[in-house]
Amino acid sequence: MVQIDHAMKNQQACNVELINYTKEGKTYTVSINIAPVINHIGKITHWISIRMETIQFKWYTCSLF
């Protein structure tokens, strides 16, 4: 969470992996990409994030090669 806070304060994109929990208490790893949305005058108007379970991401990247 420190990386996300630092990136947002510095108006930068970031990618972090976090451990998340299901309702049943099982853990799984999540990759989160966060990036600023910048308007035509260079001002950040929004932030966008994409969350993907890491195992799905690793399977997808491996299937490309």
Foldseek 3Di string as FASTA:
>chain_A
DVVVVVCVVVQHKDKDKDWDADPVGDIFIKIKTKHFDADPVGDGDDMDMDIDTVVVVVVVVVVVD
